[in-house]
Amino acid sequence: MNEDNIPNESTSPEQPAPQVPGSTGSGHEIPTAFTSPIAPYAQPTMSSMPSSNPQGAAFGIPTAAYPYGTGHESTVPIAPIENHAAPQKKSFGAGKVAALIVAASLVGGAAGLGTSYLGNTLWAQPAGTAASGPESITVNNPGSVNETTAIATKVLPSVVTIEAAGQSESGSGSGVILSEDGYVLTNTHVVTLGGASGDAAIRVTTSDGHLYDASIVGTDPIYDLAVIKLEDAEDLSPIAFTDSSEINVGSTAVAVGAPLGLSNSVTTGIVSALNRSIQIASSALPESADQDAPEEESGQDSPFQFDLPGTTQRGATQNISISVIQTDAAINPGNSGGALVDSEGKLIGINVAIATAGGSGGEAGSIGVGFAIPSNIAQRVADEIIENGAATHGLLGATVQDASSVEDADVAGAYIVDVSPDGGAAAAGLKKGDIVTKFNGFPVSGATDLTAQVRGAAAGSEATVSYVRNGKSFEADVTLGELVL
């Protein structure tokens, strides 16, 4: 059973074109024209574009020909991707996940290097100064650059590598630049080392090798997002957001970040699915979050863990449910908090988790099933953290479970077990036995779907809930309450 209300709540238990950095090695510098804004999205094809291709011209590509590349449940275990070094072996049991995925692991890239590594190699250099690091783009043949090269050229200056170190643990992840003066969006599990440290020292490296100390502005463990602020930063390159509700399955998806500590890495694929919902056991939530929580919701036995290879695993106190975009672009440990962008180089999601093949000998790594928090949710949460130090999350005021587990149910969805007398669900007329099938137009196939969508909305926002009662379909407008931890 999945409760919409996390306990310890009053209604419980119902409850612009960037400068292209120089090339590396013996490659040539990218032509200046190549830095022009990327052309509007066009449907990808597998054929080469003709020399007169206007889109190739819009990319500023000096070449005669422009090669243009382009829910039901399953039992795919997912493992955290939190290692700066190669991830350690870790097996997980089976568990629930809405629409095709059953297990997920965070892609943080934490731990495995040790504090001494950070102190001896990275932090010995003055913050805010140029470091001897990798350049952003290497182009050896300017006559054959493609769409991905253009995307990488635009996006890399907006993606950073994050190093965090606690008293006994350290690790790395990625982040995206939100403002010229140094606000950066990443994952909570990156800056807290999976919940192991509340005051980790943070160092950030930009794509051109500049180093900055950083401090945490605020964390949001409910959706595993966090905002940090770089000290004395200026003239950085903020990433551009797109409306994640308008992307399509099959659209180009490019992941940018620092997998295994390899900064400025770019992988490409497509959007594999939309409106997935996964459940992850979080150690970053406050201890109070699990007071009076049902045993099956404790998170201790969940296959979705903040598992940080090389660190001591903390006991997770609560499961979180998040809505995600699925992609086959390779995402690995260290990609956490990095960018998933479209063919225009605009952010469609923040990389957060991957699925792994599982088994006793399985390692956390890409098998082509990765997840990113949609840009619309990420932007809302980031804006609230910057403005208020924390983000709000919706509360429906109902206890729900998968309709598929209810004997008499004849439609998939989230079955309402009970409603809180003073909650939004009750005020909108929802009752025990109703089966929620959509939330704000997003399909709901089970309890995790509904919880993820409700949590992705802001407290006090209006939502439209579609539900089935006695075989008939209805809609209700609900004013969401506020989740209180």
Protein backbone atom coordinates (compact mmCIF):
# COMPACT_ATOMS: atom_id res chain seq x y z
CA MET A 1 0.00 0.00 0.00
CA ASN A 2 1.25 3.46 -0.84
CA GLU A 3 0.21 6.39 1.31
CA ASP A 4 -0.19 9.79 -0.31
CA ASN A 5 0.45 11.36 3.07
CA ILE A 6 3.92 10.92 4.48
CA PRO A 7 3.41 10.54 8.24
CA ASN A 8 4.14 13.33 10.71
CA GLU A 9 1.57 15.44 8.89
CA SER A 10 -1.60 16.74 10.44
CA THR A 11 -3.82 14.48 8.34
CA SER A 12 -1.76 11.35 8.89
CA PRO A 13 -2.52 8.45 8.58
CA GLU A 14 -4.69 9.32 5.63
CA GLN A 15 -2.72 11.08 4.51
CA PRO A 16 23.10 32.65 -24.77
CA ALA A 17 25.75 31.15 -28.00
CA PRO A 18 28.61 30.15 -25.73
CA GLN A 19 32.20 30.71 -26.66
CA VAL A 20 33.59 27.50 -27.98
CA PRO A 21 36.62 26.47 -25.97
CA GLY A 22 39.76 25.56 -27.92
CA SER A 23 40.14 22.04 -29.16
CA THR A 24 42.41 19.48 -27.57
CA GLY A 25 45.19 17.35 -28.94
CA SER A 26 46.01 17.95 -32.56
CA GLY A 27 42.43 18.75 -33.53
CA HIS A 28 41.31 21.98 -35.12
CA GLU A 29 39.34 24.68 -33.46
CA ILE A 30 35.63 24.74 -34.16
CA PRO A 31 34.70 27.45 -36.68
CA THR A 32 33.09 30.48 -35.09
CA ALA A 33 29.94 30.00 -37.14
CA PHE A 34 29.48 26.67 -35.40
CA THR A 35 28.62 28.44 -32.19
CA SER A 36 25.41 29.90 -33.53
CA PRO A 37 22.20 28.83 -31.80
CA ILE A 38 21.11 25.38 -32.77
CA ALA A 39 18.32 25.21 -35.28
CA PRO A 40 14.78 24.45 -34.18
CA TYR A 41 13.90 20.84 -33.73
CA ALA A 42 13.19 18.79 -36.81
CA GLN A 43 12.13 15.19 -36.85
CA PRO A 44 15.30 13.06 -37.00
CA THR A 45 15.92 10.83 -39.97
CA MET A 46 18.52 8.20 -40.78
CA SER A 47 19.47 9.72 -44.13
CA SER A 48 22.16 12.25 -44.99
CA MET A 49 20.96 15.76 -45.59
CA PRO A 50 21.71 17.45 -48.95
CA SER A 51 24.35 20.14 -49.25
CA SER A 52 21.66 22.79 -49.43
CA ASN A 53 20.16 21.61 -46.14
CA PRO A 54 19.01 24.77 -44.32
CA GLN A 55 19.28 23.10 -40.96
CA GLY A 56 22.92 22.26 -41.56
CA ALA A 57 23.45 25.89 -42.45
CA ALA A 58 21.71 26.96 -39.27
CA PHE A 59 24.14 24.80 -37.33
CA GLY A 60 26.97 26.62 -39.09
CA ILE A 61 28.43 23.32 -40.25
CA PRO A 62 31.00 23.77 -43.08
CA THR A 63 30.32 20.59 -44.96
CA ALA A 64 28.75 19.50 -48.22
CA ALA A 65 26.73 16.74 -46.65
CA TYR A 66 25.19 16.72 -43.21
CA PRO A 67 24.73 13.26 -41.67
CA TYR A 68 21.77 13.48 -39.41
CA GLY A 69 21.51 10.72 -36.91
CA THR A 70 18.92 10.56 -35.30
CA GLY A 71 3.25 0.79 -19.38
CA HIS A 72 3.31 -2.35 -17.93
CA GLU A 73 5.58 -3.71 -15.23
CA SER A 74 8.78 -5.63 -15.76
CA THR A 75 11.53 -6.82 -13.47
CA VAL A 76 14.59 -4.76 -14.34
CA PRO A 77 16.60 -4.08 -11.14
CA ILE A 78 18.09 -0.63 -10.71
CA ALA A 79 21.24 0.29 -8.80
CA PRO A 80 22.62 3.69 -7.64
CA ILE A 81 25.24 5.21 -9.87
CA GLU A 82 27.25 6.94 -7.23
CA ASN A 83 30.87 6.07 -7.95
CA HIS A 84 33.71 8.25 -9.18
CA ALA A 85 35.60 5.01 -9.68
CA ALA A 86 34.16 1.84 -11.19
CA PRO A 87 30.94 0.95 -9.33
CA GLN A 88 31.12 -1.96 -6.91
CA LYS A 89 28.97 -5.00 -7.30
CA LYS A 90 25.64 -4.85 -5.61
CA SER A 91 22.49 -6.92 -6.05
CA PHE A 92 18.97 -5.84 -5.39
CA GLY A 93 15.71 -7.67 -4.92
CA ALA A 94 12.63 -7.14 -7.02
CA GLY A 95 10.27 -4.29 -6.21
CA LYS A 96 7.50 -2.08 -7.52
CA VAL A 97 7.71 0.61 -10.12
CA ALA A 98 5.02 2.10 -12.26
CA ALA A 99 4.97 1.28 -15.95
CA LEU A 100 7.70 -1.18 -17.02
CA ILE A 101 10.42 -0.53 -14.39
CA VAL A 102 10.78 -2.36 -11.12
CA ALA A 103 14.08 -1.19 -9.68
CA ALA A 104 16.21 1.92 -10.03
CA SER A 105 19.46 3.23 -8.68
CA LEU A 106 20.76 6.72 -8.35
CA VAL A 107 23.47 7.84 -10.69
CA GLY A 108 25.41 10.02 -8.35
CA GLY A 109 29.01 8.97 -8.74
CA ALA A 110 29.68 9.23 -5.07
CA ALA A 111 32.47 7.73 -3.08
CA GLY A 112 35.27 5.36 -3.86
CA LEU A 113 37.99 7.98 -4.14
CA GLY A 114 38.41 9.04 -0.54
CA THR A 115 38.95 12.44 1.00
CA SER A 116 42.70 12.21 0.49
CA TYR A 117 42.25 12.11 -3.28
CA LEU A 118 40.24 15.30 -3.26
CA GLY A 119 42.66 17.07 -0.96
CA ASN A 120 45.77 16.06 -2.90
CA THR A 121 44.59 16.54 -6.45
CA LEU A 122 41.68 18.95 -6.69
CA TRP A 123 41.49 21.12 -3.62
CA ALA A 124 45.19 22.01 -3.60
CA GLN A 125 44.39 24.42 -6.43
CA PRO A 126 43.02 27.91 -5.64
CA ALA A 127 39.30 28.26 -6.18
CA GLY A 128 38.13 30.45 -9.03
CA THR A 129 41.36 29.99 -11.01
CA ALA A 130 41.96 28.18 -14.27
CA ALA A 131 42.82 24.54 -13.78
CA SER A 132 44.71 22.25 -16.07
CA GLY A 133 41.72 20.25 -17.19
CA PRO A 134 40.16 18.81 -20.33
CA GLU A 135 38.93 21.14 -23.02
CA SER A 136 35.27 20.96 -23.94
CA ILE A 137 35.27 19.79 -27.54
CA THR A 138 37.76 18.06 -29.81
CA VAL A 139 37.09 18.33 -33.55
CA ASN A 140 39.62 16.66 -35.82
CA ASN A 141 37.55 16.92 -38.97
CA PRO A 142 35.43 20.09 -39.13
CA GLY A 143 33.95 18.90 -42.42
CA SER A 144 32.07 16.04 -40.76
CA VAL A 145 30.68 17.43 -37.54
CA ASN A 146 27.14 16.36 -36.81
CA GLU A 147 24.12 17.23 -34.70
CA THR A 148 25.60 15.82 -31.51
CA THR A 149 28.76 17.91 -31.93
CA ALA A 150 26.62 21.02 -32.21
CA ILE A 151 24.58 20.07 -29.15
CA ALA A 152 27.70 19.34 -27.10
CA THR A 153 29.29 22.63 -28.12
CA LYS A 154 26.27 24.51 -26.84
CA VAL A 155 25.64 22.52 -23.67
CA LEU A 156 29.06 21.67 -22.21
CA PRO A 157 29.77 25.19 -20.92
CA SER A 158 26.57 24.87 -18.86
CA VAL A 159 27.46 21.57 -17.18
CA VAL A 160 29.84 21.21 -14.23
CA THR A 161 31.53 18.43 -12.27
CA ILE A 162 30.83 18.39 -8.55
CA GLU A 163 33.15 16.91 -5.90
CA ALA A 164 31.82 16.45 -2.39
CA ALA A 165 33.75 15.28 0.67
CA GLY A 166 32.51 14.43 4.15
CA GLN A 167 34.50 13.37 7.17
CA SER A 168 35.01 9.83 5.96
CA GLU A 169 33.45 9.66 2.49
CA SER A 170 33.73 11.49 -0.80
CA GLY A 171 32.31 11.28 -4.27
CA SER A 172 31.41 13.11 -7.44
CA GLY A 173 28.50 13.98 -9.63
CA SER A 174 27.36 16.56 -12.14
CA GLY A 175 25.31 19.73 -12.19
CA VAL A 176 23.80 22.30 -14.54
CA ILE A 177 24.39 26.06 -14.34
CA LEU A 178 21.25 28.10 -13.68
CA SER A 179 22.67 31.63 -13.56
CA GLU A 180 25.69 33.67 -14.57
CA ASP A 181 26.58 34.27 -10.92
CA GLY A 182 26.84 30.59 -10.03
CA TYR A 183 23.59 28.93 -9.02
CA VAL A 184 23.84 25.25 -9.99
CA LEU A 185 21.16 22.54 -9.96
CA THR A 186 22.10 18.96 -9.07
CA ASN A 187 20.79 16.00 -7.03
CA THR A 188 20.41 15.90 -3.28
CA HIS A 189 22.20 12.57 -3.12
CA VAL A 190 25.26 14.11 -4.82
CA VAL A 191 25.79 16.95 -2.33
CA THR A 192 24.84 14.88 0.72
CA LEU A 193 26.76 11.75 -0.36
CA GLY A 194 23.53 9.81 -0.38
CA GLY A 195 22.40 11.25 2.93
CA ALA A 196 25.64 10.37 4.71
CA SER A 197 26.71 14.00 5.19
CA GLY A 198 24.75 17.15 5.85
CA ASP A 199 27.74 19.45 5.62
CA ALA A 200 29.99 18.05 2.90
CA ALA A 201 32.69 20.32 1.50
CA ILE A 202 31.89 20.97 -2.18
CA ARG A 203 34.20 21.86 -5.07
CA VAL A 204 32.95 22.51 -8.60
CA THR A 205 34.88 22.36 -11.88
CA THR A 206 33.46 24.07 -14.97
CA SER A 207 33.95 22.67 -18.47
CA ASP A 208 36.89 25.02 -19.11
CA GLY A 209 38.68 23.87 -15.96
CA HIS A 210 37.91 26.70 -13.55
CA LEU A 211 37.49 25.67 -9.91
CA TYR A 212 35.06 27.08 -7.39
CA ASP A 213 34.16 26.38 -3.81
CA ALA A 214 30.42 26.02 -3.36
CA SER A 215 27.83 25.95 -0.62
CA ILE A 216 24.40 24.34 -0.46
CA VAL A 217 21.48 26.74 -0.95
CA GLY A 218 18.88 24.07 -0.28
CA THR A 219 18.07 20.43 -0.80
CA ASP A 220 14.82 18.75 -1.74
CA PRO A 221 14.90 15.08 -0.72
CA ILE A 222 11.32 14.51 -1.91
CA TYR A 223 12.43 14.84 -5.57
CA ASP A 224 16.17 14.37 -4.99
CA LEU A 225 17.07 17.85 -6.25
CA ALA A 226 19.42 20.44 -4.75
CA VAL A 227 20.78 23.89 -5.55
CA ILE A 228 24.33 24.99 -4.73
CA LYS A 229 25.99 28.40 -5.15
CA LEU A 230 29.52 28.87 -6.50
CA GLU A 231 31.60 31.45 -4.66
CA ASP A 232 32.74 34.55 -6.58
CA ALA A 233 31.41 33.20 -9.88
CA GLU A 234 30.51 35.45 -12.78
CA ASP A 235 29.89 35.30 -16.52
CA LEU A 236 28.94 31.62 -16.42
CA SER A 237 26.73 30.04 -19.12
CA PRO A 238 23.25 29.16 -17.84
CA ILE A 239 21.53 26.22 -19.46
CA ALA A 240 18.32 26.82 -21.42
CA PHE A 241 15.21 24.92 -20.33
CA THR A 242 12.52 23.50 -22.57
CA ASP A 243 8.95 22.50 -21.75
CA SER A 244 9.21 18.81 -20.86
CA SER A 245 5.48 18.35 -21.42
CA GLU A 246 6.02 18.93 -25.16
CA ILE A 247 8.76 16.38 -25.86
CA ASN A 248 8.01 13.19 -27.78
CA VAL A 249 9.00 9.57 -27.46
CA GLY A 250 11.72 9.06 -30.06
CA SER A 251 13.05 12.61 -29.83
CA THR A 252 16.82 13.11 -29.60
CA ALA A 253 18.19 12.89 -26.07
CA VAL A 254 21.80 13.75 -25.19
CA ALA A 255 23.24 13.18 -21.72
CA VAL A 256 26.05 15.46 -20.57
CA GLY A 257 28.02 15.09 -17.35
CA ALA A 258 30.93 13.38 -15.62
CA PRO A 259 30.36 9.60 -15.52
CA LEU A 260 33.04 7.89 -13.43
CA GLY A 261 34.60 11.32 -12.99
CA LEU A 262 35.18 11.75 -16.73
CA SER A 263 34.21 15.40 -17.14
CA ASN A 264 32.67 16.76 -20.34
CA SER A 265 31.34 13.37 -21.43
CA VAL A 266 28.57 13.27 -24.01
CA THR A 267 26.32 10.32 -24.87
CA THR A 268 23.39 10.27 -27.22
CA GLY A 269 20.14 8.38 -27.68
CA ILE A 270 16.42 9.04 -27.74
CA VAL A 271 13.59 9.62 -25.35
CA SER A 272 12.50 6.04 -24.71
CA ALA A 273 9.37 6.73 -22.67
CA LEU A 274 7.56 9.49 -20.84
CA ASN A 275 5.64 9.59 -17.59
CA ARG A 276 7.50 6.77 -15.91
CA SER A 277 7.34 6.67 -12.13
CA ILE A 278 9.98 5.02 -9.98
CA GLN A 279 10.28 4.52 -6.26
CA ILE A 280 13.62 4.94 -4.50
CA ALA A 281 14.62 4.37 -0.88
CA SER A 282 16.09 7.62 0.40
CA SER A 283 18.42 8.18 3.33
CA ALA A 284 18.30 11.96 2.87
CA LEU A 285 14.82 12.45 4.29
CA PRO A 286 14.53 13.66 7.90
CA GLU A 287 14.27 10.92 10.51
CA SER A 288 10.78 12.18 11.35
CA ALA A 289 9.53 11.36 7.87
CA ASP A 290 8.90 7.71 8.71
CA GLN A 291 7.10 8.11 12.02
CA ASP A 292 4.11 5.76 12.04
CA ALA A 293 4.90 4.75 8.45
CA PRO A 294 3.43 1.41 7.38
CA GLU A 295 6.00 -1.36 7.39
CA GLU A 296 5.77 -1.86 3.64
CA GLU A 297 6.58 1.83 3.12
CA SER A 298 9.68 1.94 5.33
CA GLY A 299 12.11 1.79 2.39
CA GLN A 300 14.36 -0.74 4.08
CA ASP A 301 13.59 -3.52 1.61
CA SER A 302 13.09 -1.39 -1.47
CA PRO A 303 15.22 -2.13 -4.54
CA PHE A 304 15.56 1.63 -5.07
CA GLN A 305 18.45 2.69 -2.88
CA PHE A 306 20.93 5.53 -2.51
CA ASP A 307 23.64 2.93 -2.71
CA LEU A 308 27.07 4.55 -2.80
CA PRO A 309 29.80 2.08 -3.75
CA GLY A 310 32.76 2.42 -1.41
CA THR A 311 30.74 3.89 1.45
CA THR A 312 28.82 2.48 4.36
CA GLN A 313 25.17 2.18 3.37
CA ARG A 314 22.87 4.10 5.66
CA GLY A 315 19.51 2.61 6.50
CA ALA A 316 16.93 4.29 4.29
CA THR A 317 14.02 5.68 6.23
CA GLN A 318 11.44 6.31 3.52
CA ASN A 319 10.67 5.64 -0.11
CA ILE A 320 10.28 8.57 -2.48
CA SER A 321 8.23 8.39 -5.67
CA ILE A 322 9.38 10.51 -8.60
CA SER A 323 8.15 11.03 -12.16
CA VAL A 324 10.90 10.51 -14.75
CA ILE A 325 11.77 10.55 -18.44
CA GLN A 326 13.29 7.30 -19.69
CA THR A 327 16.19 7.42 -22.17
CA ASP A 328 18.62 4.99 -23.81
CA ALA A 329 21.42 7.61 -23.82
CA ALA A 330 24.18 6.03 -21.73
CA ILE A 331 24.02 7.25 -18.12
CA ASN A 332 26.56 5.96 -15.60
CA PRO A 333 27.81 6.65 -12.06
CA GLY A 334 28.74 10.32 -11.91
CA ASN A 335 26.07 11.48 -14.38
CA SER A 336 23.74 12.31 -11.49
CA GLY A 337 22.65 15.93 -11.54
CA GLY A 338 23.86 16.37 -15.12
CA ALA A 339 21.87 17.40 -18.15
CA LEU A 340 19.61 15.47 -20.49
CA VAL A 341 18.99 17.80 -23.45
CA ASP A 342 17.09 17.83 -26.73
CA SER A 343 18.26 18.47 -30.30
CA GLU A 344 18.35 22.22 -29.59
CA GLY A 345 20.60 21.75 -26.60
CA LYS A 346 17.83 22.69 -24.18
CA LEU A 347 17.34 20.89 -20.89
CA ILE A 348 14.61 18.29 -20.83
CA GLY A 349 15.67 16.59 -17.60
CA ILE A 350 18.15 16.18 -14.74
CA ASN A 351 19.78 12.73 -14.82
CA VAL A 352 19.04 10.84 -11.63
CA ALA A 353 18.95 7.05 -11.95
CA ILE A 354 19.61 3.99 -14.11
CA ALA A 355 18.39 0.45 -14.39
CA THR A 356 20.94 -2.36 -14.22
CA ALA A 357 20.82 -5.96 -15.29
CA GLY A 358 20.99 -7.03 -11.65
CA GLY A 359 21.95 -10.40 -10.30
CA SER A 360 24.56 -11.22 -7.66
CA GLY A 361 27.43 -10.26 -9.95
CA GLY A 362 25.82 -7.23 -11.62
CA GLU A 363 27.55 -3.87 -11.62
CA ALA A 364 25.91 -0.49 -11.75
CA GLY A 365 26.30 0.74 -15.30
CA SER A 366 24.34 1.65 -18.37
CA ILE A 367 22.18 -0.97 -20.03
CA GLY A 368 20.32 1.67 -22.01
CA VAL A 369 17.63 2.34 -19.41
CA GLY A 370 18.26 5.67 -17.72
CA PHE A 371 16.01 8.17 -15.98
CA ALA A 372 15.86 11.97 -15.68
CA ILE A 373 13.63 14.26 -13.65
CA PRO A 374 11.54 16.32 -16.13
CA SER A 375 12.69 19.90 -16.65
CA ASN A 376 9.33 21.38 -15.67
CA ILE A 377 9.52 19.82 -12.21
CA ALA A 378 13.25 20.52 -11.89
CA GLN A 379 12.80 24.20 -12.76
CA ARG A 380 9.93 24.70 -10.32
CA VAL A 381 11.82 23.07 -7.48
CA ALA A 382 15.02 24.99 -8.26
CA ASP A 383 13.19 28.33 -8.39
CA GLU A 384 11.54 27.67 -5.02
CA ILE A 385 14.82 26.61 -3.40
CA ILE A 386 16.59 29.75 -4.64
CA GLU A 387 13.75 31.98 -3.47
CA ASN A 388 12.85 30.28 -0.19
CA GLY A 389 15.60 27.77 0.61
CA ALA A 390 13.19 24.87 0.15
CA ALA A 391 10.56 23.57 -2.27
CA THR A 392 6.95 22.64 -1.63
CA HIS A 393 5.17 19.48 -2.70
CA GLY A 394 1.52 18.63 -3.13
CA LEU A 395 -0.57 16.47 -0.82
CA LEU A 396 -3.75 14.83 -2.08
CA GLY A 397 -5.00 13.69 1.29
CA ALA A 398 -5.68 10.07 0.40
CA THR A 399 -4.23 6.64 1.05
CA VAL A 400 -3.92 4.66 -2.16
CA GLN A 401 -2.79 1.30 -3.47
CA ASP A 402 -2.49 -0.32 -6.89
CA ALA A 403 -5.91 -1.05 -8.33
CA SER A 404 -4.44 -4.24 -9.81
CA SER A 405 -4.20 -5.63 -6.27
CA VAL A 406 -7.90 -5.05 -5.60
CA GLU A 407 -10.05 -8.06 -6.45
CA ASP A 408 -13.08 -6.23 -7.81
CA ALA A 409 -11.23 -3.50 -9.73
CA ASP A 410 -11.83 -3.51 -13.48
CA VAL A 411 -9.45 -0.70 -14.51
CA ALA A 412 -5.81 0.05 -13.74
CA GLY A 413 -5.04 3.05 -11.57
CA ALA A 414 -4.60 4.15 -7.99
CA TYR A 415 -7.30 2.72 -5.75
CA ILE A 416 -8.32 5.04 -2.93
CA VAL A 417 -8.28 3.11 0.34
CA ASP A 418 -9.22 6.08 2.49
CA VAL A 419 -9.35 9.88 2.42
CA SER A 420 -8.35 12.41 5.07
CA PRO A 421 -11.43 14.28 6.32
CA ASP A 422 -9.83 17.70 5.86
CA GLY A 423 -7.72 16.92 2.77
CA GLY A 424 -8.02 18.07 -0.81
CA ALA A 425 -9.36 14.71 -2.03
CA ALA A 426 -12.30 14.78 0.38
CA ALA A 427 -13.10 18.39 -0.43
CA ALA A 428 -13.24 17.49 -4.14
CA GLY A 429 -15.65 14.63 -3.47
CA LEU A 430 -13.29 11.69 -3.91
CA LYS A 431 -14.23 8.64 -1.90
CA LYS A 432 -12.94 5.27 -0.80
CA GLY A 433 -13.16 2.83 -3.71
CA ASP A 434 -12.59 5.42 -6.43
CA ILE A 435 -9.82 4.55 -8.90
CA VAL A 436 -7.72 7.48 -10.07
CA THR A 437 -6.71 7.01 -13.72
CA LYS A 438 -5.25 10.45 -14.60
CA PHE A 439 -3.70 13.39 -12.76
CA ASN A 440 -3.51 16.67 -14.66
CA GLY A 441 -3.80 14.63 -17.85
CA PHE A 442 -0.92 12.30 -16.99
CA PRO A 443 -1.89 8.60 -16.99
CA VAL A 444 -1.96 6.88 -13.62
CA SER A 445 -1.45 3.11 -13.67
CA GLY A 446 -0.85 2.61 -9.95
CA ALA A 447 -0.12 4.14 -6.58
CA THR A 448 3.46 5.11 -7.42
CA ASP A 449 2.29 7.04 -10.50
CA LEU A 450 -0.20 9.06 -8.50
CA THR A 451 2.18 9.79 -5.64
CA ALA A 452 4.93 10.89 -8.06
CA GLN A 453 2.61 13.26 -9.91
CA VAL A 454 1.15 14.75 -6.74
CA ARG A 455 4.61 15.28 -5.25
CA GLY A 456 5.78 16.90 -8.50
CA ALA A 457 3.11 19.59 -8.14
CA ALA A 458 3.46 22.59 -5.86
CA ALA A 459 1.56 22.81 -2.61
CA GLY A 460 -1.66 24.77 -2.98
CA SER A 461 -1.83 24.23 -6.75
CA GLU A 462 -4.97 23.17 -8.57
CA ALA A 463 -5.09 19.73 -10.17
CA THR A 464 -7.60 17.84 -12.29
CA VAL A 465 -8.14 14.25 -11.23
CA SER A 466 -9.83 11.70 -13.50
CA TYR A 467 -11.30 8.71 -11.70
CA VAL A 468 -13.66 5.78 -12.09
CA ARG A 469 -16.48 5.07 -9.66
CA ASN A 470 -18.83 2.15 -10.12
CA GLY A 471 -17.71 1.75 -13.73
CA LYS A 472 -18.35 5.38 -14.68
CA SER A 473 -15.70 8.02 -15.38
CA PHE A 474 -15.59 11.39 -13.63
CA GLU A 475 -13.32 14.40 -13.19
CA ALA A 476 -12.72 16.50 -10.11
CA ASP A 477 -10.75 19.68 -9.48
CA VAL A 478 -8.59 19.32 -6.40
CA THR A 479 -6.70 21.94 -4.42
CA LEU A 480 -3.59 20.17 -3.16
CA GLY A 481 -2.45 20.48 0.41
CA GLU A 482 1.18 20.75 1.47
CA LEU A 483 3.40 17.83 2.32
CA VAL A 484 5.03 18.49 5.68
CA LEU A 485 8.10 16.52 6.74
